[in-house]
C-alpha cells in the first residue's frame, strides 16, 4: 500500500528516512547520526564492561556482533575511518594489583569468527585440523600444581581476570584433585547444565547469565553449584600433538575427547556444525571452533585471536533489526494491532521485514518508534516475534496513536463515521470489515487489494456500497478492466443470494446469533434474557448481541439489505 493510502486508511507510519537495507546508511541528519553513534558506543562499552569485568552477558553474542557491525557501518556513514575496538579492560575500575583480580598463567586468546567460505579458505591452507563445539558459557583458566587446584581465573580481558579460586573449588564439576598428580594449566568453559538441549530449537535459556550469576553470588545454593558444568577445551602447556593432549585430558578425568574430532572428507566442519546444532546436548552452544592440532606453546600466546583457530557460528536465531515505522491496524471488531516495519533482516534463511506486536498494550509498554533497534526471532521457527527492545533511538519519532476506547464492534461501518474522538479515521477498520465480509459471503478472490482499490476510487465508502455498483461503475476503477469487472459483478450477485446466517456474519454480528434462527425482525426483538437462554451464550455475549441488533447503523444496513431482496431482511 502506498504511503498516501496508509495515511488515508488511518495507518500511521513514522518513516525513518533510511533505505530498506540495514547495511546502508540511515537517513538521519549529521547531528543526529553523530548522537546515535555516540550513544551506541557508550552502550557497547557498557556491555563490554559487564562482560570483561563481571563475567556477565547482558546481550547475546549474535546481537553484540550485529551491534558492533552496525556501529562500524554508521561510523562509515559519518565518514569516520577508525574502527571500534573494545577499550575496556578488567583493570578499568580496579587496579592491576587488586586482590580480586589475577593474571592468567597463560593468556586467553579468544577466537576470530568466520563463515562457510572463510572456513574453506582457512582450512585449505592447513592440515591436522580438529573441531569442538563452541560451548556457550563463561571462560575460565584453572591452574593445578601436583594435581591440586590452586587457582581459577575468569577470562576478563584475556590477560587478567577475576579470582574465582574459592568458588571454583566449590563446584562439583571442577575437580579439586586431578586423577594424576600433574601440574597443568587448563582452559575451558563453565556452562549451565541443560537436559537434552537442542540448539536448533529457539529458546531463551540464558545459560551463560546463569553461570555468571552463580559465580558472582555471595552464597549460591548447592543446587545452583551442581548445575554448573565444565568443558576443558584447551591445555596450553600440554603435549604438543592433539591426540596426546586428548588422551592426557581423558586420563585426568575430563570429557574433552568426547567433543573433539579430527576433520575428514567424510565428516568435515559442516558435518559437525550441523550435528551439534541438532543433537541433544547437556549444554548450550553457539557454533563450532576449528583448531590446528599443533600450535605454538602457551608462553608465546597473546590476548588476541590467533591464526591457528577459527569459530563458525550457528545460523542466527535472532537478528538486530532497525525499525522503519509503526502501523496501527484496526481490525473488524475494533481490536488495534501494532505492526512494526523493519529494515529487512534474515533469520534461519527467512527475510523478515514486518512483525506484529499483538496488542496495543504491548506497544505502549515497549514504546517502539522509528530508529529503535529490536531483537527479532522466529516463534516456533515460523512467526516473526519481537523478543525485546535492544535500545531506543535517542530522537523519538512522533506518532498518532489510536485509543482503544474509540474502536469497537460497532464502530466504522463507513468512512464518514469519524469524529474528533477518532482521529485516525475509519478506513482501516472498514477495510477489515470488507475483507471479513468477503470471507463470510464466499467471495473468493475479492480481498483487501480489491476493496482498497474500490475505496481509493470513491466507489465504496460504506460496508454495503458495493451492492449498487454496476458493470460500468466497476470498469472506472483503476486496475479493473472489463473482464475483471464482469467477474466482480458475478461474485457480488452470488453474495446477494447467500443465506441469512452468512449475512449476519458478514455484518459482524457477535457469535451466538446463528443459534437463534428466524429472521432480522425476530432477532431485533430479542432481549438480554432471550439471548442468554440460548446454548453457550453468557451474560457478556448477550449484552453484545443486544447492543449489535439495536445499533442504529446496523439497523440501517439491515434495511438496505431488505431493500435489495437479501434473504431474512
Protein backbone atom coordinates (compact mmCIF):
# COMPACT_ATOMS: atom_id res chain seq x y z
CA UNK A 1 0.00 0.00 0.00
CA UNK A 2 1.35 3.46 -0.87
CA UNK A 3 2.16 5.90 1.94
CA UNK A 4 -0.71 8.17 0.93
CA UNK A 5 -3.07 5.20 1.11
CA UNK A 6 -1.72 4.23 4.54
CA UNK A 7 -2.41 7.70 5.88
CA UNK A 8 -5.87 7.80 4.30
CA UNK A 9 -6.63 4.44 5.86
CA UNK A 10 -5.81 5.66 9.34
CA UNK A 11 -2.50 3.80 9.33
CA UNK A 12 0.41 5.60 10.96
CA UNK A 13 3.88 5.13 9.51
CA UNK A 14 6.62 7.04 11.30
CA UNK A 15 9.10 6.80 8.48
CA UNK A 16 12.79 6.67 9.19
CA UNK A 17 14.16 8.17 6.02
CA UNK A 18 16.79 5.47 5.70
CA UNK A 19 16.77 2.90 2.90
CA UNK A 20 15.39 -0.59 3.20
CA UNK A 21 18.65 -2.44 3.80
CA UNK A 22 20.16 -2.36 7.28
CA UNK A 23 23.68 -2.26 5.83
CA UNK A 24 23.01 1.10 4.19
CA UNK A 25 23.08 4.49 5.86
CA UNK A 26 20.12 5.75 7.87
CA UNK A 27 18.63 8.95 6.52
CA UNK A 28 19.31 10.99 9.64
CA UNK A 29 20.78 14.45 9.81
CA UNK A 30 24.52 14.62 10.54
CA UNK A 31 23.97 15.84 14.13
CA UNK A 32 21.51 13.03 14.83
CA UNK A 33 23.80 10.41 13.29
CA UNK A 34 26.63 11.66 15.48
CA UNK A 35 24.39 11.45 18.56
CA UNK A 36 23.24 7.92 17.71
CA UNK A 37 26.85 6.81 17.12
CA UNK A 38 27.94 8.18 20.47
CA UNK A 39 25.02 6.53 22.25
CA UNK A 40 25.79 3.16 20.64
CA UNK A 41 29.48 3.45 21.51
CA UNK A 42 28.55 4.04 25.13
CA UNK A 43 26.11 1.13 25.07
CA UNK A 44 28.67 -1.27 23.61
CA UNK A 45 31.20 -0.11 26.19
CA UNK A 46 28.72 -0.89 28.98
CA UNK A 47 28.19 -4.38 27.54
CA UNK A 48 31.94 -4.91 27.37
CA UNK A 49 32.37 -3.67 30.93
CA UNK A 50 29.77 -6.17 32.13
CA UNK A 51 31.39 -8.98 30.14
CA UNK A 52 35.07 -8.34 30.85
CA UNK A 53 34.81 -7.18 34.44
CA UNK A 54 31.83 -9.10 35.82
CA UNK A 55 31.62 -12.15 33.57
CA UNK A 56 28.04 -11.06 32.79
CA UNK A 57 26.45 -11.14 29.35
CA UNK A 58 23.66 -8.55 29.09
CA UNK A 59 23.30 -9.24 25.36
CA UNK A 60 23.55 -12.37 23.22
CA UNK A 61 26.76 -12.83 21.25
CA UNK A 62 24.98 -12.68 17.91
CA UNK A 63 23.24 -9.42 18.83
CA UNK A 64 26.51 -7.99 20.14
CA UNK A 65 28.24 -8.87 16.87
CA UNK A 66 25.46 -7.25 14.86
CA UNK A 67 25.52 -4.15 17.08
CA UNK A 68 29.26 -3.66 16.63
CA UNK A 69 28.86 -4.17 12.87
CA UNK A 70 26.10 -1.56 12.89
CA UNK A 71 28.35 0.85 14.75
CA UNK A 72 31.07 0.43 12.13
CA UNK A 73 28.52 0.95 9.35
CA UNK A 74 27.23 4.13 10.99
CA UNK A 75 30.77 5.39 11.52
CA UNK A 76 31.45 4.79 7.83
CA UNK A 77 28.27 6.73 7.00
CA UNK A 78 29.55 9.59 9.14
CA UNK A 79 32.94 9.47 7.42
CA UNK A 80 34.86 8.16 10.42
CA UNK A 81 37.74 5.94 9.38
CA UNK A 82 38.68 4.33 12.69
CA UNK A 83 37.09 1.03 13.60
CA UNK A 84 35.60 0.31 17.00
CA UNK A 85 37.68 -1.91 19.25
CA UNK A 86 36.96 -2.80 22.87
CA UNK A 87 38.65 -0.17 25.00
CA UNK A 88 37.84 -1.63 28.39
CA UNK A 89 39.97 -3.98 30.41
CA UNK A 90 39.33 -5.65 33.70
CA UNK A 91 41.64 -3.09 35.34
CA UNK A 92 39.42 -0.19 34.25
CA UNK A 93 37.70 0.04 37.61
CA UNK A 94 40.16 -1.95 39.70
CA UNK A 95 43.89 -1.54 39.96
CA UNK A 96 46.12 -4.20 38.50
CA UNK A 97 47.24 -5.19 41.97
CA UNK A 98 43.70 -5.54 43.35
CA UNK A 99 43.46 -8.86 45.19
CA UNK A 100 40.17 -9.59 43.42
CA UNK A 101 41.98 -9.96 40.07
CA UNK A 102 44.67 -12.37 38.92
CA UNK A 103 46.98 -12.55 35.95
CA UNK A 104 46.36 -15.57 33.74
CA UNK A 105 49.24 -18.06 33.84
CA UNK A 106 48.61 -18.43 30.09
CA UNK A 107 46.59 -15.73 28.34
CA UNK A 108 43.14 -16.47 26.95
CA UNK A 109 43.30 -15.69 23.24
CA UNK A 110 39.71 -15.63 22.06
CA UNK A 111 38.88 -16.69 18.52
CA UNK A 112 38.03 -14.94 15.25
CA UNK A 113 34.67 -15.73 13.67
CA UNK A 114 34.18 -16.66 10.06
CA UNK A 115 31.58 -18.13 7.70
CA UNK A 116 31.39 -21.15 5.41
CA UNK A 117 33.53 -19.54 2.73
CA UNK A 118 36.01 -18.36 5.35
CA UNK A 119 36.26 -21.86 6.80
CA UNK A 120 37.02 -23.23 3.34
CA UNK A 121 39.77 -20.65 2.75
CA UNK A 122 41.26 -21.11 6.22
CA UNK A 123 41.26 -24.92 6.14
CA UNK A 124 42.57 -25.17 2.57
CA UNK A 125 45.96 -23.90 3.76
CA UNK A 126 46.22 -26.17 6.80
CA UNK A 127 46.17 -29.79 7.85
CA UNK A 128 45.83 -31.62 11.16
CA UNK A 129 42.52 -29.85 11.81
CA UNK A 130 40.15 -30.56 14.69
CA UNK A 131 36.73 -29.35 15.74
CA UNK A 132 34.92 -28.75 19.03
CA UNK A 133 31.51 -27.29 19.88
CA UNK A 134 31.68 -23.65 20.90
CA UNK A 135 30.16 -24.08 24.35
CA UNK A 136 28.11 -21.09 25.46
CA UNK A 137 29.26 -20.32 28.98
CA UNK A 138 31.91 -18.30 30.78
CA UNK A 139 35.59 -18.97 30.13
CA UNK A 140 37.91 -19.91 32.99
CA UNK A 141 41.58 -20.74 33.47
CA UNK A 142 42.40 -23.50 36.00
CA UNK A 143 45.91 -23.99 37.37
CA UNK A 144 46.89 -27.24 39.06
CA UNK A 145 50.10 -27.90 40.98
CA UNK A 146 50.94 -31.55 41.60
CA UNK A 147 47.33 -32.38 40.81
CA UNK A 148 45.80 -29.87 43.24
CA UNK A 149 43.67 -26.92 42.11
CA UNK A 150 45.43 -23.77 43.31
CA UNK A 151 43.94 -21.06 41.11
CA UNK A 152 40.92 -20.27 38.96
CA UNK A 153 40.71 -17.03 36.95
CA UNK A 154 37.80 -15.69 34.88
CA UNK A 155 38.50 -14.70 31.30
CA UNK A 156 38.49 -10.95 31.97
CA UNK A 157 40.41 -9.24 29.19
CA UNK A 158 42.46 -12.33 28.41
CA UNK A 159 45.45 -11.14 30.46
CA UNK A 160 43.78 -10.58 33.84
CA UNK A 161 40.52 -11.84 35.28
CA UNK A 162 38.57 -12.21 38.49
CA UNK A 163 39.90 -14.52 41.18
CA UNK A 164 37.38 -17.37 41.10
CA UNK A 165 39.51 -19.87 43.03
CA UNK A 166 37.29 -20.28 46.09
CA UNK A 167 34.12 -20.53 44.03
CA UNK A 168 35.65 -22.99 41.55
CA UNK A 169 36.77 -25.22 44.42
CA UNK A 170 33.11 -25.42 45.49
CA UNK A 171 31.88 -26.55 42.06
CA UNK A 172 31.28 -30.33 41.87
CA UNK A 173 32.19 -30.31 38.15
CA UNK A 174 35.62 -28.82 38.78
CA UNK A 175 37.99 -31.41 40.32
CA UNK A 176 40.00 -30.09 43.25
CA UNK A 177 42.36 -33.03 42.77
CA UNK A 178 43.21 -34.48 39.38
CA UNK A 179 43.32 -38.20 38.70
CA UNK A 180 47.10 -37.86 38.28
CA UNK A 181 49.44 -35.57 40.27
CA UNK A 182 50.43 -33.39 37.34
CA UNK A 183 50.99 -29.64 37.18
CA UNK A 184 48.94 -28.12 34.38
CA UNK A 185 47.18 -25.00 33.14
CA UNK A 186 43.78 -25.82 31.68
CA UNK A 187 41.39 -23.52 29.84
CA UNK A 188 37.72 -24.25 29.49
CA UNK A 189 34.14 -23.15 29.77
CA UNK A 190 31.87 -23.20 32.78
CA UNK A 191 28.39 -23.89 31.43
CA UNK A 192 24.86 -24.30 32.76
CA UNK A 193 23.76 -27.93 32.70
CA UNK A 194 20.72 -28.47 30.50
CA UNK A 195 18.70 -31.60 29.80
CA UNK A 196 18.55 -32.72 26.17
CA UNK A 197 19.13 -29.20 24.89
CA UNK A 198 18.86 -28.87 21.10
CA UNK A 199 20.39 -25.63 19.90
CA UNK A 200 18.32 -25.62 16.71
CA UNK A 201 15.17 -25.17 18.80
CA UNK A 202 14.86 -21.48 19.73
CA UNK A 203 14.58 -20.92 23.47
CA UNK A 204 15.63 -18.32 25.98
CA UNK A 205 17.63 -20.40 28.43
CA UNK A 206 20.06 -17.56 29.39
CA UNK A 207 22.57 -20.28 30.22
CA UNK A 208 25.64 -18.06 30.26
CA UNK A 209 23.99 -15.48 32.50
CA UNK A 210 23.01 -18.18 34.97
CA UNK A 211 26.59 -19.38 35.23
CA UNK A 212 27.92 -15.83 35.60
CA UNK A 213 25.29 -15.14 38.27
CA UNK A 214 26.25 -18.26 40.21
CA UNK A 215 29.93 -17.32 40.10
CA UNK A 216 29.16 -13.81 41.39
CA UNK A 217 26.75 -14.77 44.18
CA UNK A 218 27.98 -14.48 47.72
CA UNK A 219 26.33 -17.76 48.74
CA UNK A 220 24.85 -19.80 45.86
CA UNK A 221 22.82 -22.85 46.78
CA UNK A 222 24.12 -26.39 46.43
CA UNK A 223 21.60 -26.94 43.63
CA UNK A 224 22.99 -23.96 41.71
CA UNK A 225 26.57 -25.15 42.13
CA UNK A 226 25.59 -28.60 40.81
CA UNK A 227 24.13 -27.03 37.67
CA UNK A 228 27.50 -25.61 36.62
CA UNK A 229 29.40 -27.95 34.30
CA UNK A 230 32.95 -27.76 32.92
CA UNK A 231 34.21 -28.35 29.42
CA UNK A 232 38.01 -28.21 29.13
CA UNK A 233 38.78 -27.12 25.59
CA UNK A 234 42.48 -26.32 25.95
CA UNK A 235 45.69 -27.46 27.62
CA UNK A 236 48.21 -24.77 26.63
CA UNK A 237 51.19 -26.38 28.33
CA UNK A 238 50.15 -29.95 27.49
CA UNK A 239 51.53 -32.38 24.88
CA UNK A 240 52.31 -30.85 21.50
CA UNK A 241 50.11 -33.15 19.40
CA UNK A 242 46.33 -33.14 19.73
CA UNK A 243 45.87 -36.95 20.11
CA UNK A 244 48.30 -36.98 23.04
CA UNK A 245 46.61 -33.94 24.62
CA UNK A 246 43.20 -35.59 24.34
CA UNK A 247 44.49 -38.84 25.80
CA UNK A 248 46.08 -36.92 28.65
CA UNK A 249 42.89 -34.98 29.41
CA UNK A 250 40.92 -38.22 29.41
CA UNK A 251 43.39 -39.71 31.89
CA UNK A 252 42.91 -36.63 34.10
CA UNK A 253 39.16 -37.20 34.16
CA UNK A 254 37.87 -34.71 31.54
CA UNK A 255 35.46 -35.44 28.67
CA UNK A 256 37.27 -33.24 26.12
CA UNK A 257 37.91 -36.13 23.73
CA UNK A 258 34.17 -36.84 23.50
CA UNK A 259 33.66 -33.45 21.86
CA UNK A 260 36.90 -33.07 19.88
CA UNK A 261 37.12 -34.70 16.46
CA UNK A 262 39.55 -34.71 13.57
CA UNK A 263 38.16 -33.28 10.34
CA UNK A 264 37.99 -35.53 7.30
CA UNK A 265 36.43 -35.56 3.86
CA UNK A 266 33.53 -37.61 5.21
CA UNK A 267 33.00 -35.59 8.39
CA UNK A 268 34.07 -32.06 7.65
CA UNK A 269 33.37 -28.83 9.54
CA UNK A 270 29.90 -28.56 8.02
CA UNK A 271 29.02 -32.06 9.20
CA UNK A 272 29.98 -31.39 12.82
CA UNK A 273 28.38 -27.95 12.84
CA UNK A 274 25.06 -29.42 11.74
CA UNK A 275 25.44 -32.44 14.04
CA UNK A 276 25.97 -30.42 17.20
CA UNK A 277 23.33 -27.90 16.15
CA UNK A 278 20.63 -30.59 16.02
CA UNK A 279 21.81 -33.17 18.56
CA UNK A 280 20.56 -33.09 22.19
CA UNK A 281 23.41 -31.95 24.45
CA UNK A 282 23.83 -31.05 28.10
CA UNK A 283 24.98 -27.51 27.29
CA UNK A 284 24.11 -24.58 25.07
CA UNK A 285 26.45 -23.80 22.20
CA UNK A 286 26.61 -21.10 19.57
CA UNK A 287 28.79 -22.68 16.89
CA UNK A 288 31.93 -24.72 16.40
CA UNK A 289 35.63 -23.95 16.91
CA UNK A 290 38.19 -25.22 14.41
CA UNK A 291 41.77 -25.73 15.62
CA UNK A 292 45.08 -26.82 14.25
CA UNK A 293 46.33 -29.82 16.16
CA UNK A 294 49.76 -28.29 16.60
CA UNK A 295 50.18 -24.69 17.72
CA UNK A 296 52.78 -22.58 19.49
CA UNK A 297 53.43 -23.18 23.17
CA UNK A 298 51.32 -21.21 25.61
CA UNK A 299 54.16 -18.86 26.58
CA UNK A 300 54.00 -17.40 23.05
CA UNK A 301 50.27 -16.68 23.12
CA UNK A 302 48.81 -13.17 23.12
CA UNK A 303 45.45 -11.92 24.36
CA UNK A 304 44.13 -11.65 20.80
CA UNK A 305 42.65 -14.21 18.38
CA UNK A 306 45.38 -16.42 16.86
CA UNK A 307 45.67 -17.65 13.30
CA UNK A 308 45.54 -21.31 14.31
CA UNK A 309 41.82 -21.33 15.22
CA UNK A 310 38.51 -20.09 13.83
CA UNK A 311 34.89 -20.08 15.04
CA UNK A 312 31.95 -20.78 12.75
CA UNK A 313 28.75 -19.66 14.42
CA UNK A 314 25.35 -21.34 14.03
CA UNK A 315 22.64 -19.69 11.91
CA UNK A 316 21.31 -16.59 13.59
CA UNK A 317 18.21 -17.33 15.64
CA UNK A 318 17.70 -13.66 16.37
CA UNK A 319 18.53 -10.53 14.49
CA UNK A 320 19.13 -6.92 15.40
CA UNK A 321 16.50 -5.13 13.33
CA UNK A 322 16.15 -1.38 12.82
CA UNK A 323 12.60 -0.03 12.93
CA UNK A 324 11.47 1.87 9.85
CA UNK A 325 7.99 2.69 11.06
CA UNK A 326 4.95 1.62 13.04
CA UNK A 327 1.46 0.96 11.71
CA UNK A 328 -1.62 0.66 13.90
CA UNK A 329 -4.02 -1.67 12.13
CA UNK A 330 -7.62 -1.68 13.32
CA UNK A 331 -9.49 -4.95 12.82
CA UNK A 332 -13.16 -5.52 12.07
CA UNK A 333 -14.03 -5.85 15.77
CA UNK A 334 -12.06 -2.70 16.66
CA UNK A 335 -9.02 -4.53 18.01
CA UNK A 336 -5.87 -2.49 17.43
CA UNK A 337 -2.81 -4.43 16.30
CA UNK A 338 0.51 -2.56 16.01
CA UNK A 339 2.70 -3.70 13.11
CA UNK A 340 6.39 -2.80 13.13
CA UNK A 341 8.13 -2.33 9.78
CA UNK A 342 11.83 -3.21 9.77
CA UNK A 343 14.88 -2.81 7.64
CA UNK A 344 14.88 -6.37 6.22
CA UNK A 345 16.86 -8.96 8.15
CA UNK A 346 17.38 -12.69 7.68
CA UNK A 347 16.68 -15.30 10.35
CA UNK A 348 17.05 -19.01 9.61
CA UNK A 349 17.17 -18.08 5.92
CA UNK A 350 13.89 -16.13 6.03
CA UNK A 351 13.66 -12.47 5.06
CA UNK A 352 11.82 -10.55 7.78
CA UNK A 353 10.59 -7.00 7.15
CA UNK A 354 7.50 -6.80 9.36
CA UNK A 355 6.46 -8.09 12.76
CA UNK A 356 3.25 -7.85 14.77
CA UNK A 357 3.28 -6.78 18.40
CA UNK A 358 -0.09 -8.46 19.02
CA UNK A 359 -1.73 -5.76 21.10
CA UNK A 360 -1.77 -2.02 21.68
CA UNK A 361 -0.88 -2.62 25.33
CA UNK A 362 2.37 -4.29 24.33
CA UNK A 363 3.28 -1.39 22.07
CA UNK A 364 2.53 1.04 24.90
CA UNK A 365 4.81 -0.98 27.18
CA UNK A 366 7.67 -1.09 24.64
CA UNK A 367 7.06 2.34 23.01
CA UNK A 368 8.66 1.26 19.73
CA UNK A 369 9.33 4.01 17.20
CA UNK A 370 11.31 4.54 14.03
CA UNK A 371 15.05 4.22 14.60
CA UNK A 372 14.75 1.80 17.53
CA UNK A 373 16.73 -1.44 17.40
CA UNK A 374 14.89 -4.67 18.21
CA UNK A 375 15.88 -8.28 18.87
CA UNK A 376 13.69 -10.25 16.47
CA UNK A 377 13.36 -14.03 16.46
CA UNK A 378 11.09 -16.67 14.93
CA UNK A 379 8.50 -18.02 17.34
CA UNK A 380 8.19 -21.74 16.70
CA UNK A 381 10.54 -21.26 13.72
CA UNK A 382 7.70 -19.63 11.74
CA UNK A 383 6.29 -16.42 13.22
CA UNK A 384 8.49 -13.31 13.48
CA UNK A 385 8.43 -12.06 17.07
CA UNK A 386 9.88 -9.06 18.87
CA UNK A 387 11.92 -10.52 21.70
CA UNK A 388 12.89 -7.20 23.23
CA UNK A 389 13.98 -3.64 22.52
CA UNK A 390 17.79 -3.71 22.49
CA UNK A 391 17.99 0.08 22.51
CA UNK A 392 15.78 3.02 21.63
CA UNK A 393 16.74 5.79 19.26
CA UNK A 394 17.77 8.97 21.02
CA UNK A 395 15.32 11.01 18.96
CA UNK A 396 11.75 9.79 19.38
CA UNK A 397 9.65 9.94 16.22
CA UNK A 398 6.15 11.41 16.74
CA UNK A 399 3.19 9.08 16.22
CA UNK A 400 -0.56 9.45 16.11
CA UNK A 401 -1.63 6.70 18.47
CA UNK A 402 -5.18 5.33 18.43
CA UNK A 403 -7.10 4.96 21.66
CA UNK A 404 -8.65 1.56 22.32
CA UNK A 405 -11.85 3.20 23.59
CA UNK A 406 -12.50 4.75 20.15
CA UNK A 407 -12.90 1.46 18.27
CA UNK A 408 -15.17 -1.47 18.99
CA UNK A 409 -17.61 -3.93 17.45
CA UNK A 410 -19.97 -1.10 16.44
CA UNK A 411 -17.54 1.49 15.10
CA UNK A 412 -16.70 2.33 11.49
CA UNK A 413 -19.29 0.75 9.25
CA UNK A 414 -18.44 3.60 6.86
CA UNK A 415 -15.65 6.07 6.19
CA UNK A 416 -17.70 9.01 7.35
CA UNK A 417 -18.17 7.55 10.86
CA UNK A 418 -15.40 9.82 12.08
CA UNK A 419 -15.31 12.39 14.83
CA UNK A 420 -12.74 14.22 16.90
CA UNK A 421 -12.63 11.22 19.22
CA UNK A 422 -11.40 9.04 16.35
CA UNK A 423 -8.52 10.98 14.80
CA UNK A 424 -7.14 8.06 12.79
CA UNK A 425 -10.36 7.68 10.87
CA UNK A 426 -12.26 4.56 9.88
CA UNK A 427 -10.58 3.36 6.70
CA UNK A 428 -8.52 0.68 8.46
CA UNK A 429 -11.47 -0.88 10.29
CA UNK A 430 -13.79 -0.56 7.29
CA UNK A 431 -11.21 -2.31 5.12
CA UNK A 432 -11.03 -5.12 7.69
CA UNK A 433 -14.85 -5.31 7.78
CA UNK A 434 -15.00 -5.62 3.99
CA UNK A 435 -12.30 -8.31 3.97
CA UNK A 436 -14.23 -10.27 6.61
CA UNK A 437 -17.42 -9.81 4.61
CA UNK A 438 -15.75 -11.40 1.60
CA UNK A 439 -14.88 -14.48 3.66
CA UNK A 440 -18.35 -14.76 5.17
CA UNK A 441 -20.09 -14.47 1.81
CA UNK A 442 -17.69 -16.73 -0.10
CA UNK A 443 -16.38 -14.05 -2.44
CA UNK A 444 -13.21 -15.86 -3.45
CA UNK A 445 -10.60 -13.58 -4.98
CA UNK A 446 -12.10 -10.43 -3.51
CA UNK A 447 -9.67 -9.38 -0.82
CA UNK A 448 -8.08 -6.33 0.73
CA UNK A 449 -6.47 -5.25 -2.53
CA UNK A 450 -9.78 -5.17 -4.36
CA UNK A 451 -11.58 -3.33 -1.57
CA UNK A 452 -8.73 -0.82 -1.25
CA UNK A 453 -8.96 -0.08 -4.99
CA UNK A 454 -12.71 0.49 -4.69
CA UNK A 455 -12.23 2.76 -1.67
CA UNK A 456 -9.45 4.74 -3.40
CA UNK A 457 -11.72 5.24 -6.43
CA UNK A 458 -14.52 6.55 -4.21
CA UNK A 459 -16.78 3.70 -5.33
CA UNK A 460 -17.09 2.28 -1.79
CA UNK A 461 -17.39 4.37 1.37
CA UNK A 462 -19.60 2.06 3.40
CA UNK A 463 -19.93 -1.63 4.14
CA UNK A 464 -22.66 -2.31 1.56
CA UNK A 465 -21.97 0.31 -1.15
CA UNK A 466 -20.66 -2.37 -3.50
CA UNK A 467 -24.17 -3.79 -3.87
CA UNK A 468 -25.13 -0.80 -6.01
CA UNK A 469 -22.10 -0.94 -8.33
CA UNK A 470 -22.86 -1.97 -11.90
CA UNK A 471 -20.50 -3.12 -14.63
CA UNK A 472 -19.83 0.38 -15.90
CA UNK A 473 -19.00 1.74 -12.44
CA UNK A 474 -16.60 -1.10 -11.74
CA UNK A 475 -14.79 -0.55 -15.04
CA UNK A 476 -13.99 3.02 -13.94
CA UNK A 477 -11.89 1.75 -11.04
CA UNK A 478 -8.14 1.84 -11.66
CA UNK A 479 -6.81 -1.62 -12.44
CA UNK A 480 -10.26 -3.10 -13.07
CA UNK A 481 -10.92 -3.78 -16.74
CA UNK A 482 -13.95 -5.20 -18.48
CA UNK A 483 -13.17 -8.85 -17.71
CA UNK A 484 -12.40 -8.28 -14.04
CA UNK A 485 -15.42 -6.00 -13.63
CA UNK A 486 -17.65 -8.77 -15.00
CA UNK A 487 -16.17 -11.29 -12.56
CA UNK A 488 -16.60 -8.93 -9.63
CA UNK A 489 -20.21 -8.28 -10.55
CA UNK A 490 -20.83 -12.04 -10.73
CA UNK A 491 -19.33 -12.53 -7.26
CA UNK A 492 -21.36 -9.63 -5.87
CA UNK A 493 -24.58 -11.10 -7.32
CA UNK A 494 -23.76 -14.52 -5.87
CA UNK A 495 -23.11 -12.95 -2.47
CA UNK A 496 -26.54 -11.33 -2.54
CA UNK A 497 -28.08 -14.82 -2.66
CA UNK A 498 -26.20 -16.15 0.39
CA UNK A 499 -28.31 -17.38 3.34
CA UNK A 500 -29.33 -15.20 6.30
CA UNK A 501 -26.79 -16.64 8.79
CA UNK A 502 -23.94 -15.90 6.36
CA UNK A 503 -25.09 -12.29 6.12
CA UNK A 504 -25.22 -11.98 9.90
CA UNK A 505 -21.56 -13.00 9.99
CA UNK A 506 -20.79 -10.59 7.13
CA UNK A 507 -22.28 -7.70 9.10
CA UNK A 508 -20.11 -8.60 12.07
CA UNK A 509 -22.77 -9.97 14.41
CA UNK A 510 -21.28 -11.41 17.63
CA UNK A 511 -21.07 -15.21 17.78
CA UNK A 512 -24.29 -16.71 19.06
CA UNK A 513 -26.71 -15.01 16.68
CA UNK A 514 -26.65 -18.04 14.36
CA UNK A 515 -28.17 -20.15 17.14
CA UNK A 516 -31.37 -18.11 17.24
CA UNK A 517 -32.72 -18.86 13.78
CA UNK A 518 -35.64 -16.79 12.43
CA UNK A 519 -35.12 -13.52 10.57
CA UNK A 520 -33.93 -10.00 11.26
CA UNK A 521 -37.26 -8.74 12.60
CA UNK A 522 -37.33 -11.56 15.17
CA UNK A 523 -33.74 -11.06 16.31
CA UNK A 524 -34.17 -7.32 16.77
CA UNK A 525 -36.80 -8.09 19.39
CA UNK A 526 -34.59 -10.42 21.45
CA UNK A 527 -33.91 -9.28 24.99
CA UNK A 528 -30.83 -9.98 27.06
CA UNK A 529 -32.69 -12.86 28.70
CA UNK A 530 -33.73 -14.30 25.33
CA UNK A 531 -30.14 -14.36 24.12
CA UNK A 532 -28.82 -15.79 27.35
CA UNK A 533 -31.33 -18.64 27.14
CA UNK A 534 -29.53 -19.92 24.04
CA UNK A 535 -26.79 -22.55 24.43
CA UNK A 536 -23.30 -21.20 25.15
CA UNK A 537 -24.44 -17.56 25.36
CA UNK A 538 -23.42 -15.93 28.63
CA UNK A 539 -24.30 -12.55 30.06
CA UNK A 540 -21.44 -10.69 28.36
CA UNK A 541 -22.19 -12.17 24.95
CA UNK A 542 -25.91 -11.49 25.41
CA UNK A 543 -25.21 -7.82 26.14
CA UNK A 544 -23.08 -7.60 22.98
CA UNK A 545 -25.85 -9.15 20.87
CA UNK A 546 -28.49 -6.74 22.21
CA UNK A 547 -26.17 -3.80 21.51
CA UNK A 548 -25.47 -5.03 17.98
CA UNK A 549 -29.07 -5.56 16.90
CA UNK A 550 -30.21 -2.28 18.42
CA UNK A 551 -27.40 -0.13 16.95
CA UNK A 552 -28.80 2.47 14.51
CA UNK A 553 -26.05 1.92 11.93
CA UNK A 554 -26.64 -1.82 11.94
CA UNK A 555 -30.40 -1.37 11.60
CA UNK A 556 -29.78 0.97 8.66
CA UNK A 557 -27.66 -1.74 6.99
CA UNK A 558 -30.42 -4.27 7.58
CA UNK A 559 -32.98 -2.00 5.88
CA UNK A 560 -30.60 -1.60 2.95
CA UNK A 561 -30.33 -5.38 2.61
CA UNK A 562 -34.07 -5.77 2.87
CA UNK A 563 -34.50 -3.25 0.05
CA UNK A 564 -32.26 -5.32 -2.23
CA UNK A 565 -34.11 -8.57 -1.51
CA UNK A 566 -31.50 -10.35 0.64
CA UNK A 567 -32.99 -13.33 2.45
CA UNK A 568 -34.13 -12.75 6.05
CA UNK A 569 -34.09 -8.95 5.95
